[in-house]
């Protein structure tokens, strides 16, 4: 619950914004020419920073004049009066810069009136967001001050303070990932994958909408990548508005836990595409180095075919070749082979097929996480890992391009709907046969 002064400050900021939108008054800034020349000698950046600070002080003075009237001109109708000045601060480029803040007191309520412009200029969210962006780009809290301090009298850029701001900002990012509504999203493709991050298993779900935009749907931390952890993640997505009754393509790495959890939630509406890259990698792990290139080439050629029957025949042929020389590799090839060909069964266009036939789209975000999190030297408990992972995922989300071949998603959806209708018809026919037999 916010304190009274916090509510009053927020209300003052809203009132000032409403007044500024309706007002036609202009704010003029007078700057002595000799001082301007001295600052220009130090560089244009120094001049701009001092002009910005002076402008902020001029805006504060303008609002004080609006509330209490001009200086040294008493007015009987005035409802407020000046009450001196005090040292305050504003946030400029992620730094707290000291400024002189005028104070105004109400005659009616006999207490200070907060300045809305001052509340806007010193909002902590600006500082937190600035710190978050810079750390996501690789700047550490250790050298934050040396790299970014531009005002000689600035403060709030020490390691401990910057760390506090990042913790607060990253908690907000984690809350966004875990709580934002999904009810208005039309997710046609979902990629689910797990990774081991700093000793913990993390399961991440990324959705792709009709226009090819990729959205981080949620993440879950667990001891292992099991069906319970994945099931809880999917249940959480359902609570936030994501429907599992619509036909959807689920791209997974082949883990049985993920597959089981998806089928428990979506049933026949789930079209599971196992990652072809993972399948090739798994099969090649069973063969000697001299045969890996040949096996990899034959599997890739099969997955590049346009007809599922032709691809299946080519994989069966490879299976027969491996069966006598390496039964383990042949068994690995057969395990879940049909689900690696789902995109071919659905006749997905070539460009889109290359994008959704593997989990590369979600693994690229894991690489961003690994790169950014290298700067963390010691991992602690609580939500430390989740905060960083959520931050890096949202950072990656802001930089993602639209999915290659997204124009073909509409055709994919139509194909899944037609196949889903056939599945329902088969279910009804099976039920009728059971009833008639009984």
Protein backbone atom coordinates (compact mmCIF):
# COMPACT_ATOMS: atom_id res chain seq x y z
CA UNK A 1 0.00 0.00 0.00
CA UNK A 2 1.34 3.43 -0.94
CA UNK A 3 1.79 6.14 1.68
CA UNK A 4 -0.19 9.37 1.50
CA UNK A 5 2.76 11.40 0.20
CA UNK A 6 3.29 8.88 -2.60
CA UNK A 7 -0.35 9.13 -3.68
CA UNK A 8 -0.24 12.93 -3.54
CA UNK A 9 2.95 13.00 -5.63
CA UNK A 10 1.39 10.74 -8.26
CA UNK A 11 -1.76 12.90 -8.35
CA UNK A 12 0.37 16.02 -8.68
CA UNK A 13 2.19 14.49 -11.67
CA UNK A 14 -1.14 13.67 -13.35
CA UNK A 15 -2.47 17.19 -12.73
CA UNK A 16 0.69 18.76 -14.13
CA UNK A 17 0.52 16.63 -17.28
CA UNK A 18 -3.14 17.59 -17.78
CA UNK A 19 -2.30 21.29 -17.29
CA UNK A 20 0.68 21.11 -19.69
CA UNK A 21 -1.44 19.56 -22.45
CA UNK A 22 -4.00 22.38 -22.24
CA UNK A 23 -1.60 25.26 -21.54
CA UNK A 24 -0.19 27.45 -24.30
CA UNK A 25 2.50 28.97 -22.10
CA UNK A 26 6.11 28.63 -23.22
CA UNK A 27 9.13 28.18 -20.98
CA UNK A 28 12.10 30.38 -21.86
CA UNK A 29 15.65 29.67 -20.80
CA UNK A 30 18.23 32.44 -20.55
CA UNK A 31 21.85 31.33 -20.63
CA UNK A 32 24.81 33.72 -20.21
CA UNK A 33 27.01 33.76 -23.31
CA UNK A 34 30.38 33.68 -21.42
CA UNK A 35 29.29 30.60 -19.45
CA UNK A 36 28.10 28.97 -22.67
CA UNK A 37 31.52 29.51 -24.29
CA UNK A 38 33.34 27.98 -21.31
CA UNK A 39 31.14 24.91 -21.40
CA UNK A 40 31.56 24.57 -25.18
CA UNK A 41 35.32 24.44 -24.66
CA UNK A 42 34.77 21.36 -22.48
CA UNK A 43 32.68 19.75 -25.19
CA UNK A 44 29.17 19.88 -26.59
CA UNK A 45 28.04 17.10 -24.23
CA UNK A 46 28.94 19.20 -21.19
CA UNK A 47 26.99 22.15 -22.58
CA UNK A 48 23.91 20.02 -23.30
CA UNK A 49 23.98 18.45 -19.83
CA UNK A 50 24.10 21.83 -18.09
CA UNK A 51 21.37 23.20 -20.35
CA UNK A 52 19.23 20.20 -19.42
CA UNK A 53 19.77 20.78 -15.72
CA UNK A 54 18.94 24.49 -16.03
CA UNK A 55 15.84 23.67 -18.06
CA UNK A 56 14.57 21.32 -15.35
CA UNK A 57 15.06 24.00 -12.69
CA UNK A 58 13.23 26.49 -14.92
CA UNK A 59 10.28 24.08 -15.32
CA UNK A 60 10.09 23.64 -11.53
CA UNK A 61 10.12 27.39 -11.06
CA UNK A 62 7.39 27.78 -13.69
CA UNK A 63 5.11 25.33 -11.87
CA UNK A 64 5.78 27.04 -8.53
CA UNK A 65 4.80 30.34 -10.13
CA UNK A 66 1.63 28.79 -11.53
CA UNK A 67 0.64 27.58 -8.02
CA UNK A 68 1.80 30.54 -5.90
CA UNK A 69 1.94 33.40 -8.39
CA UNK A 70 4.90 35.63 -9.35
CA UNK A 71 7.54 36.46 -6.76
CA UNK A 72 7.08 39.63 -4.61
CA UNK A 73 3.55 40.23 -5.94
CA UNK A 74 1.06 39.44 -3.14
CA UNK A 75 -2.43 38.44 -4.28
CA UNK A 76 -5.45 38.02 -2.02
CA UNK A 77 -6.89 35.23 -4.16
CA UNK A 78 -3.74 33.16 -3.87
CA UNK A 79 -4.31 29.70 -2.28
CA UNK A 80 -0.62 28.85 -1.87
CA UNK A 81 2.62 30.60 -1.03
CA UNK A 82 6.33 29.95 -1.52
CA UNK A 83 8.09 28.14 1.27
CA UNK A 84 11.76 28.44 0.37
CA UNK A 85 13.95 25.92 -1.44
CA UNK A 86 15.71 22.68 -0.68
CA UNK A 87 18.20 20.38 -2.37
CA UNK A 88 16.53 17.74 -4.52
CA UNK A 89 17.51 15.63 -7.50
CA UNK A 90 16.38 14.68 -10.96
CA UNK A 91 17.24 11.69 -13.13
CA UNK A 92 19.32 12.55 -16.21
CA UNK A 93 20.66 9.71 -18.35
CA UNK A 94 20.52 7.20 -15.50
CA UNK A 95 22.17 9.50 -12.93
CA UNK A 96 20.83 11.40 -9.95
CA UNK A 97 21.78 15.05 -10.45
CA UNK A 98 21.27 17.54 -7.57
CA UNK A 99 19.01 20.51 -8.31
CA UNK A 100 17.41 23.35 -6.35
CA UNK A 101 13.76 22.50 -5.74
CA UNK A 102 11.28 25.29 -4.90
CA UNK A 103 8.74 24.46 -2.20
CA UNK A 104 5.10 25.59 -2.17
CA UNK A 105 2.71 25.39 0.79
CA UNK A 106 -1.10 25.37 0.76
CA UNK A 107 -2.92 28.08 2.73
CA UNK A 108 -6.07 25.99 3.04
CA UNK A 109 -4.62 22.66 4.18
CA UNK A 110 -1.48 24.10 5.78
CA UNK A 111 0.84 21.51 4.21
CA UNK A 112 3.28 21.35 1.32
CA UNK A 113 1.97 20.97 -2.21
CA UNK A 114 4.05 18.47 -4.21
CA UNK A 115 5.26 19.67 -7.61
CA UNK A 116 4.06 17.39 -10.40
CA UNK A 117 6.98 18.27 -12.68
CA UNK A 118 9.44 17.34 -9.93
CA UNK A 119 7.76 13.97 -9.52
CA UNK A 120 8.09 13.34 -13.27
CA UNK A 121 11.74 14.37 -13.40
CA UNK A 122 12.82 12.13 -10.53
CA UNK A 123 10.79 9.03 -11.16
CA UNK A 124 12.81 6.01 -10.11
CA UNK A 125 11.41 3.94 -12.97
CA UNK A 126 13.45 6.04 -15.41
CA UNK A 127 16.60 5.24 -13.47
CA UNK A 128 15.76 1.56 -13.10
CA UNK A 129 14.98 1.15 -16.80
CA UNK A 130 18.18 2.95 -17.77
CA UNK A 131 20.25 0.69 -15.50
CA UNK A 132 18.47 -2.42 -16.83
CA UNK A 133 19.12 -1.55 -20.48
CA UNK A 134 22.80 -0.81 -19.92
CA UNK A 135 23.39 -4.03 -17.98
CA UNK A 136 21.57 -6.02 -20.67
CA UNK A 137 24.06 -4.55 -23.16
CA UNK A 138 26.96 -5.90 -21.13
CA UNK A 139 27.83 -3.14 -18.66
CA UNK A 140 28.49 -4.46 -15.15
CA UNK A 141 27.72 -2.78 -11.83
CA UNK A 142 31.45 -2.71 -11.07
CA UNK A 143 32.35 -0.27 -13.84
CA UNK A 144 28.98 1.47 -14.18
CA UNK A 145 30.19 4.65 -12.46
CA UNK A 146 33.48 4.92 -14.35
CA UNK A 147 31.79 4.47 -17.72
CA UNK A 148 28.62 6.52 -17.30
CA UNK A 149 29.13 9.27 -14.73
CA UNK A 150 28.98 12.48 -16.77
CA UNK A 151 27.98 15.07 -14.15
CA UNK A 152 30.73 15.87 -11.68
CA UNK A 153 28.19 16.22 -8.86
CA UNK A 154 26.04 13.23 -9.86
CA UNK A 155 25.38 10.47 -7.36
CA UNK A 156 23.49 7.18 -7.26
CA UNK A 157 25.90 5.45 -9.67
CA UNK A 158 27.87 3.47 -7.09
CA UNK A 159 27.97 -0.30 -7.43
CA UNK A 160 25.57 -1.00 -4.55
CA UNK A 161 23.02 1.59 -5.68
CA UNK A 162 23.12 0.45 -9.30
CA UNK A 163 22.68 -3.13 -8.12
CA UNK A 164 19.57 -2.16 -6.13
CA UNK A 165 18.08 -0.42 -9.15
CA UNK A 166 18.75 -3.45 -11.36
CA UNK A 167 17.21 -5.81 -8.80
CA UNK A 168 14.05 -3.72 -8.74
CA UNK A 169 13.94 -3.42 -12.54
CA UNK A 170 14.59 -7.14 -13.10
CA UNK A 171 11.84 -8.05 -10.63
CA UNK A 172 9.44 -6.01 -12.71
CA UNK A 173 10.61 -7.85 -15.85
CA UNK A 174 10.08 -11.19 -14.11
CA UNK A 175 6.59 -10.10 -13.11
CA UNK A 176 5.84 -9.16 -16.72
CA UNK A 177 6.93 -12.58 -17.97
CA UNK A 178 5.01 -14.45 -15.28
CA UNK A 179 1.78 -12.45 -15.18
CA UNK A 180 1.04 -10.64 -18.46
CA UNK A 181 -2.26 -11.60 -20.01
CA UNK A 182 -2.28 -14.01 -22.95
CA UNK A 183 -6.02 -13.95 -23.62
CA UNK A 184 -5.78 -11.56 -26.57
CA UNK A 185 -2.93 -13.42 -28.26
CA UNK A 186 -3.55 -15.87 -31.09
CA UNK A 187 -0.66 -18.30 -30.70
CA UNK A 188 -0.44 -20.75 -33.61
CA UNK A 189 3.01 -22.16 -32.90
CA UNK A 190 4.57 -22.80 -29.51
CA UNK A 191 8.18 -23.75 -28.88
CA UNK A 192 8.97 -25.40 -25.54
CA UNK A 193 12.48 -26.31 -24.50
CA UNK A 194 14.46 -26.83 -21.35
CA UNK A 195 18.03 -26.00 -20.48
CA UNK A 196 20.35 -26.36 -17.52
CA UNK A 197 21.21 -22.89 -16.27
CA UNK A 198 23.70 -22.48 -13.41
CA UNK A 199 22.80 -25.85 -11.90
CA UNK A 200 19.01 -25.55 -12.29
CA UNK A 201 16.64 -26.78 -14.98
CA UNK A 202 14.66 -24.04 -16.71
CA UNK A 203 11.74 -24.70 -19.05
CA UNK A 204 10.80 -21.83 -21.37
CA UNK A 205 7.80 -21.45 -23.67
CA UNK A 206 7.81 -19.07 -26.64
CA UNK A 207 4.73 -18.39 -28.75
CA UNK A 208 4.46 -17.31 -32.38
CA UNK A 209 1.34 -15.48 -33.56
CA UNK A 210 -0.30 -15.29 -36.98
CA UNK A 211 1.97 -12.41 -38.04
CA UNK A 212 5.23 -14.13 -37.09
CA UNK A 213 5.88 -12.21 -33.90
CA UNK A 214 7.64 -14.22 -31.18
CA UNK A 215 6.51 -13.70 -27.58
CA UNK A 216 7.98 -15.10 -24.37
CA UNK A 217 5.01 -16.84 -22.76
CA UNK A 218 6.54 -18.06 -19.50
CA UNK A 219 9.29 -19.95 -17.76
CA UNK A 220 9.54 -22.42 -14.92
CA UNK A 221 12.41 -23.50 -12.70
CA UNK A 222 12.69 -27.06 -11.43
CA UNK A 223 15.13 -29.68 -10.24
CA UNK A 224 14.65 -31.67 -13.45
CA UNK A 225 12.85 -31.31 -16.76
CA UNK A 226 9.90 -33.52 -15.77
CA UNK A 227 6.23 -33.64 -16.70
CA UNK A 228 5.19 -31.96 -13.43
CA UNK A 229 7.32 -28.86 -14.07
CA UNK A 230 6.19 -28.56 -17.69
CA UNK A 231 2.58 -29.25 -16.69
CA UNK A 232 2.68 -26.46 -14.11
CA UNK A 233 4.05 -24.09 -16.75
CA UNK A 234 1.25 -24.95 -19.18
CA UNK A 235 -1.37 -24.68 -16.43
CA UNK A 236 -0.07 -21.23 -15.60
CA UNK A 237 -0.35 -20.22 -19.26
CA UNK A 238 -3.95 -21.49 -19.30
CA UNK A 239 -4.77 -19.41 -16.20
CA UNK A 240 -3.40 -16.33 -17.96
CA UNK A 241 -5.78 -16.82 -20.89
CA UNK A 242 -4.03 -19.12 -23.36
CA UNK A 243 -6.46 -21.68 -24.74
CA UNK A 244 -5.25 -25.21 -25.46
CA UNK A 245 -8.39 -26.32 -27.29
CA UNK A 246 -7.39 -24.71 -30.59
CA UNK A 247 -5.16 -26.65 -33.00
CA UNK A 248 -1.57 -25.60 -32.49
CA UNK A 249 1.88 -26.76 -33.58
CA UNK A 250 4.15 -27.54 -30.64
CA UNK A 251 7.87 -27.64 -31.44
CA UNK A 252 9.84 -29.60 -28.81
CA UNK A 253 13.29 -31.09 -28.43
CA UNK A 254 12.03 -34.65 -28.02
CA UNK A 255 11.85 -34.87 -24.24
CA UNK A 256 9.13 -37.28 -23.16
CA UNK A 257 8.17 -35.09 -20.19
CA UNK A 258 7.38 -32.11 -22.41
CA UNK A 259 5.43 -34.26 -24.87
CA UNK A 260 3.36 -35.88 -22.11
CA UNK A 261 2.50 -32.53 -20.53
CA UNK A 262 1.41 -31.07 -23.88
CA UNK A 263 -0.87 -34.01 -24.64
CA UNK A 264 -2.39 -33.80 -21.14
CA UNK A 265 -3.37 -30.18 -21.77
CA UNK A 266 -4.12 -30.05 -25.50
CA UNK A 267 -5.01 -33.64 -26.40
CA UNK A 268 -5.84 -34.12 -30.08
CA UNK A 269 -5.51 -30.36 -30.69
CA UNK A 270 -1.74 -30.73 -30.29
CA UNK A 271 0.42 -31.26 -33.37
CA UNK A 272 3.87 -32.14 -32.09
CA UNK A 273 6.93 -31.43 -34.19
CA UNK A 274 10.10 -32.90 -32.77
CA UNK A 275 13.25 -30.92 -33.43
CA UNK A 276 14.99 -32.33 -36.49
CA UNK A 277 18.32 -30.83 -35.42
CA UNK A 278 18.15 -32.66 -32.09
CA UNK A 279 17.19 -35.90 -33.84
CA UNK A 280 20.17 -35.69 -36.22
CA UNK A 281 22.45 -34.91 -33.29
CA UNK A 282 21.12 -37.82 -31.22
CA UNK A 283 21.55 -40.35 -34.03
CA UNK A 284 25.06 -39.13 -34.84
CA UNK A 285 26.12 -39.64 -31.24
CA UNK A 286 25.72 -43.40 -31.76
CA UNK A 287 27.88 -43.68 -34.88
CA UNK A 288 31.68 -43.39 -35.24
CA UNK A 289 33.21 -40.14 -36.46
CA UNK A 290 33.91 -41.57 -39.90
CA UNK A 291 30.17 -42.14 -40.52
CA UNK A 292 28.72 -39.01 -38.93
CA UNK A 293 28.92 -36.83 -42.03
CA UNK A 294 27.19 -39.42 -44.21
CA UNK A 295 24.39 -40.08 -41.70
CA UNK A 296 23.86 -36.36 -41.17
CA UNK A 297 23.70 -35.74 -44.92
CA UNK A 298 21.14 -38.52 -45.53
CA UNK A 299 18.89 -37.34 -42.69
CA UNK A 300 19.00 -33.76 -43.87
CA UNK A 301 18.13 -34.83 -47.41
CA UNK A 302 15.14 -36.75 -46.06
CA UNK A 303 13.89 -33.77 -44.04
CA UNK A 304 14.28 -31.50 -47.09
CA UNK A 305 11.81 -33.58 -49.14
CA UNK A 306 8.37 -32.18 -49.86
CA UNK A 307 6.34 -35.35 -49.28
CA UNK A 308 6.17 -37.02 -45.87
CA UNK A 309 5.93 -40.50 -47.45
CA UNK A 310 9.15 -39.97 -49.43
CA UNK A 311 10.95 -38.67 -46.35
CA UNK A 312 9.75 -41.61 -44.27
CA UNK A 313 10.89 -44.07 -46.93
CA UNK A 314 14.35 -42.44 -47.04
CA UNK A 315 14.65 -42.64 -43.23
CA UNK A 316 13.55 -46.29 -43.26
CA UNK A 317 16.23 -47.01 -45.84
CA UNK A 318 18.83 -45.37 -43.59
CA UNK A 319 17.46 -47.38 -40.68
CA UNK A 320 18.02 -50.62 -42.58
CA UNK A 321 21.60 -49.57 -43.37
CA UNK A 322 22.30 -48.82 -39.70
CA UNK A 323 20.53 -51.87 -38.33
CA UNK A 324 23.30 -54.38 -39.03
CA UNK A 325 26.26 -52.10 -38.29
CA UNK A 326 24.86 -50.06 -35.40
CA UNK A 327 21.51 -51.17 -33.89
CA UNK A 328 21.64 -48.38 -31.27
CA UNK A 329 21.79 -45.72 -33.96
CA UNK A 330 18.95 -47.43 -35.86
CA UNK A 331 16.80 -47.51 -32.72
CA UNK A 332 17.52 -43.83 -32.03
CA UNK A 333 16.48 -42.98 -35.60
CA UNK A 334 13.19 -44.85 -35.26
CA UNK A 335 12.26 -43.37 -31.87
CA UNK A 336 9.66 -40.66 -32.54
CA UNK A 337 10.48 -40.58 -36.27
CA UNK A 338 6.90 -39.75 -37.32
CA UNK A 339 6.82 -36.66 -35.10
CA UNK A 340 9.92 -35.29 -36.83
CA UNK A 341 7.87 -35.27 -40.05
CA UNK A 342 4.78 -33.45 -38.73
CA UNK A 343 5.51 -30.30 -40.76
CA UNK A 344 5.69 -32.46 -43.89
CA UNK A 345 2.40 -34.18 -43.04
CA UNK A 346 0.79 -30.77 -42.68
CA UNK A 347 2.34 -29.62 -45.96
CA UNK A 348 3.93 -26.54 -44.43
CA UNK A 349 5.56 -24.16 -46.91
CA UNK A 350 9.31 -24.52 -47.35
CA UNK A 351 10.36 -21.25 -45.66
CA UNK A 352 8.09 -21.72 -42.67
CA UNK A 353 9.02 -25.39 -42.45
CA UNK A 354 12.67 -24.51 -41.98
CA UNK A 355 11.71 -22.14 -39.16
CA UNK A 356 9.43 -24.50 -37.20
CA UNK A 357 11.13 -27.85 -37.83
CA UNK A 358 13.59 -27.22 -34.99
CA UNK A 359 13.84 -25.44 -31.65
CA UNK A 360 16.59 -23.12 -32.93
CA UNK A 361 14.28 -20.16 -32.36
CA UNK A 362 14.17 -20.76 -28.63
CA UNK A 363 17.76 -21.90 -28.29
CA UNK A 364 18.97 -18.62 -29.75
CA UNK A 365 17.41 -16.90 -26.74
CA UNK A 366 19.32 -19.29 -24.45
CA UNK A 367 22.55 -18.16 -26.11
CA UNK A 368 21.62 -14.54 -25.37
CA UNK A 369 21.01 -15.51 -21.74
CA UNK A 370 24.38 -17.26 -21.48
CA UNK A 371 26.21 -14.31 -23.01
CA UNK A 372 24.66 -11.64 -20.80
CA UNK A 373 24.83 -13.69 -17.60
CA UNK A 374 28.59 -14.24 -17.89
CA UNK A 375 29.13 -11.00 -15.99
CA UNK A 376 27.47 -12.45 -12.86
CA UNK A 377 30.24 -13.87 -10.68
CA UNK A 378 28.24 -15.30 -7.79
CA UNK A 379 24.73 -16.69 -7.99
CA UNK A 380 22.58 -16.47 -4.90
CA UNK A 381 19.26 -17.97 -3.87
CA UNK A 382 15.75 -16.56 -3.96
CA UNK A 383 14.74 -15.29 -7.41
CA UNK A 384 18.25 -14.37 -8.57
CA UNK A 385 18.36 -16.77 -11.55
CA UNK A 386 14.76 -16.21 -12.57
CA UNK A 387 15.21 -12.42 -12.56
CA UNK A 388 18.20 -12.59 -14.84
CA UNK A 389 16.70 -15.17 -17.19
CA UNK A 390 13.41 -13.24 -17.46
CA UNK A 391 15.35 -10.03 -18.15
CA UNK A 392 17.46 -11.59 -20.88
CA UNK A 393 14.44 -13.26 -22.49
CA UNK A 394 12.55 -9.95 -22.65
CA UNK A 395 15.69 -8.27 -23.97
CA UNK A 396 15.94 -10.95 -26.67
CA UNK A 397 12.20 -10.58 -27.40
CA UNK A 398 12.66 -6.87 -28.11
CA UNK A 399 15.32 -7.70 -30.72
CA UNK A 400 13.66 -10.67 -32.45
CA UNK A 401 12.71 -10.39 -36.10
CA UNK A 402 9.49 -11.85 -37.41
CA UNK A 403 9.60 -15.55 -38.15
CA UNK A 404 10.89 -16.38 -41.61
CA UNK A 405 8.00 -17.64 -43.70
CA UNK A 406 5.30 -16.18 -41.44
CA UNK A 407 3.10 -15.52 -44.50
CA UNK A 408 2.57 -19.30 -44.63
CA UNK A 409 1.25 -19.57 -41.06
CA UNK A 410 -2.33 -19.07 -42.23
CA UNK A 411 -2.03 -22.12 -44.52
CA UNK A 412 -0.55 -24.08 -41.60
CA UNK A 413 -3.53 -23.16 -39.41
CA UNK A 414 -5.99 -24.27 -42.09
CA UNK A 415 -4.18 -27.58 -42.47
CA UNK A 416 -4.20 -28.19 -38.70
CA UNK A 417 -7.92 -27.39 -38.45
CA UNK A 418 -8.73 -29.87 -41.23
CA UNK A 419 -6.60 -32.59 -39.60
CA UNK A 420 -8.10 -31.84 -36.19
CA UNK A 421 -11.61 -32.27 -37.62
CA UNK A 422 -10.59 -35.68 -39.00
CA UNK A 423 -9.25 -36.68 -35.60
CA UNK A 424 -12.54 -35.77 -33.94
CA UNK A 425 -14.49 -37.73 -36.55
CA UNK A 426 -12.34 -40.81 -35.90
CA UNK A 427 -12.93 -40.43 -32.16
CA UNK A 428 -16.71 -40.26 -32.65
CA UNK A 429 -16.62 -43.29 -34.96
CA UNK A 430 -14.60 -45.26 -32.41
CA UNK A 431 -17.08 -44.36 -29.66
CA UNK A 432 -20.04 -45.42 -31.82
CA UNK A 433 -18.38 -48.75 -32.55
CA UNK A 434 -17.73 -49.31 -28.86
CA UNK A 435 -21.36 -48.51 -27.97
CA UNK A 436 -22.70 -50.81 -30.68
CA UNK A 437 -20.37 -53.62 -29.56
CA UNK A 438 -21.54 -53.21 -25.96
